[in-house]
Amino acid sequence: MYAVGRVDRQNGCIDRYLQQTQASSSKEVDSEEIVELRHRLSTSEEHIQHMNSRFQSFHDLMIQYLPFEVVVVTQHIFQQPNTQ
């Protein structure tokens, strides 16, 4: 997805947040805010996994109705590594 950034690491969003807040000596890291961010990240990852599962089910259903040439191209596209 565009503008999501790296979500492949467990706590990538939180790590970036901590780095930004710790870089400034005038900011303090609020533990409740960190807990909330971790919860949001966990919820987002669950949502992404759920949507991936739904897409895979849809893909599996539709692929059987596509012409062979389209199936080959589609499989080739999905085998490409993900890029940002």
Protein backbone atom coordinates (compact mmCIF):
# COMPACT_ATOMS: atom_id res chain seq x y z
CA MET A 1 0.00 0.00 0.00
CA TYR A 2 1.21 3.49 -0.75
CA ALA A 3 2.61 5.56 2.15
CA VAL A 4 2.37 2.75 4.69
CA GLY A 5 6.13 2.40 4.97
CA ARG A 6 7.75 -0.77 6.23
CA VAL A 7 5.28 -2.97 8.06
CA ASP A 8 7.26 -6.16 7.63
CA ARG A 9 9.14 -5.62 10.89
CA GLN A 10 7.35 -6.37 14.15
CA ASN A 11 7.75 -2.92 15.69
CA GLY A 12 9.12 -0.83 12.84
CA CYS A 13 6.64 2.01 13.33
CA ILE A 14 7.27 2.13 17.04
CA ASP A 15 11.04 1.97 16.57
CA ARG A 16 10.90 4.99 14.25
CA TYR A 17 8.70 6.83 16.73
CA LEU A 18 11.11 6.12 19.58
CA GLN A 19 14.09 7.24 17.53
CA GLN A 20 12.38 10.51 16.69
CA THR A 21 11.28 11.22 20.26
CA GLN A 22 14.58 10.21 21.82
CA ALA A 23 16.50 12.43 19.40
CA SER A 24 14.95 15.48 20.99
CA SER A 25 15.95 16.03 24.63
CA SER A 26 12.90 18.21 25.26
CA LYS A 27 10.46 15.33 24.61
CA GLU A 28 9.73 12.53 27.05
CA VAL A 29 8.45 9.15 25.93
CA ASP A 30 5.10 8.45 27.54
CA SER A 31 4.75 4.74 28.30
CA GLU A 32 0.97 4.88 27.85
CA GLU A 33 1.47 6.36 24.40
CA ILE A 34 3.90 3.56 23.52
CA VAL A 35 1.39 0.96 24.70
CA GLU A 36 -1.30 2.62 22.56
CA LEU A 37 1.02 2.67 19.53
CA ARG A 38 1.84 -1.01 20.01
CA HIS A 39 -1.88 -1.80 20.22
CA ARG A 40 -2.59 0.16 17.03
CA LEU A 41 0.26 -1.60 15.25
CA SER A 42 -1.00 -5.00 16.36
CA THR A 43 -4.53 -4.13 15.23
CA SER A 44 -3.20 -2.88 11.87
CA GLU A 45 -1.17 -6.05 11.32
CA GLU A 46 -4.22 -8.19 12.12
CA HIS A 47 -6.30 -6.16 9.66
CA ILE A 48 -3.66 -6.52 6.94
CA GLN A 49 -3.49 -10.29 7.52
CA HIS A 50 -7.28 -10.51 7.37
CA MET A 51 -7.41 -8.53 4.12
CA ASN A 52 -4.62 -10.65 2.63
CA SER A 53 -6.59 -13.77 3.49
CA ARG A 54 -9.73 -12.37 1.89
CA PHE A 55 -7.80 -11.35 -1.22
CA GLN A 56 -6.23 -14.81 -1.48
CA SER A 57 -9.67 -16.43 -1.27
CA PHE A 58 -10.97 -14.11 -3.99
CA HIS A 59 -7.87 -14.74 -6.11
CA ASP A 60 -8.23 -18.52 -5.76
CA LEU A 61 -11.87 -18.32 -6.79
CA MET A 62 -11.32 -16.05 -9.79
CA ILE A 63 -8.18 -17.71 -11.14
CA GLN A 64 -10.13 -20.76 -12.25
CA TYR A 65 -12.21 -18.64 -14.64
CA LEU A 66 -9.34 -16.77 -16.29
CA PRO A 67 -7.70 -17.76 -19.58
CA PHE A 68 -4.44 -19.70 -19.20
CA GLU A 69 -2.31 -16.80 -20.48
CA VAL A 70 -3.73 -14.45 -17.87
CA VAL A 71 -3.14 -17.04 -15.13
CA VAL A 72 0.52 -17.30 -16.12
CA VAL A 73 0.99 -13.52 -16.09
CA THR A 74 -0.86 -13.20 -12.77
CA GLN A 75 1.28 -15.88 -11.15
CA HIS A 76 4.41 -14.18 -12.43
CA ILE A 77 3.31 -10.84 -10.97
CA PHE A 78 2.54 -12.34 -7.55
CA GLN A 79 5.92 -14.06 -7.42
CA GLN A 80 7.75 -10.74 -7.74
CA PRO A 81 9.21 -9.42 -4.47
CA ASN A 82 7.24 -6.62 -2.86
CA THR A 83 8.65 -3.15 -3.35
CA GLN A 84 7.77 0.09 -1.66
